[in-house]
Amino acid sequence: MCYIKANLFFGGLSVITEVAGQYNAEDLESQVRILWERAQTYRKVRELRVGGKKFFFVDGPPYTTGRIHLGTAWNKVIKDSVLRYKSMNGFAVKDRAGWDMHGLPIEVKVEESFGFRSKKYIEAYGVDKFIQRCKEFALRQKDDMTRQFKILGAWLDWDDPYMTLKNEYLEAAWWTLKKAHENNLLERGLRVVNWCPRCQTAISDSEV
């Protein structure tokens, strides 16, 4: 049986040739990624659309807790399909990647790596030191997950992502809370919340 194979060279894909043997999808995907990187295809496509109608996309950020899974991959593929469609229809797409780098899931991962079994272990280790370890973990996972999303072929502005651990995002959250307080939009009251006895903190419904 004969299979079709596209040979890669720097300027683009060569003339399609007919070869014998097993079709290797992974090999072809790798060649396409190399082509996109060398030819700076993503950047050039975005530059061609600069004068078009603006389409602003906010990436609902995944947690930087480890390798991507089927859910995060499916989510990113759908987003990528919509953004490509918009770009092909002449829109100037703003598609900055985003990362959620705060929260209990990251803290629990770091606790597990140290063998911590309760909040007391964190206090004994040092809260500031623990926060720094969480930041380092989140940044490492961000790099790994970026590589995995690129393997999927997702086109986003990976070089300038927004990261919620940066000071400007922390300050924006406090500023928003301050404005809400100034406008009497906050209230104090008693509410039933989910509580984790191990973590010694309130948790969301999805974390129960």
Foldseek 3Di string as FASTA:
>chain_A
DKDWDWDADQVGTDPIDIDDDDDDPLVRLVRVLVNCVSVVVLVVLLVVLVPFAEDEDDAPADELQAEDDPVVLVVLVVVQVVQVVCSVVRYNYAFAHEHEQDDDSLLVSLCVVVVHFAVVVCVVVPVVVSVVVSVVSSVVSLVVHVVVSVSVVRDGPSVDHYYCVDPVNVVVVVVVVVVCVVVVVDDDDDDDFDADPRHGDTDDPVVD
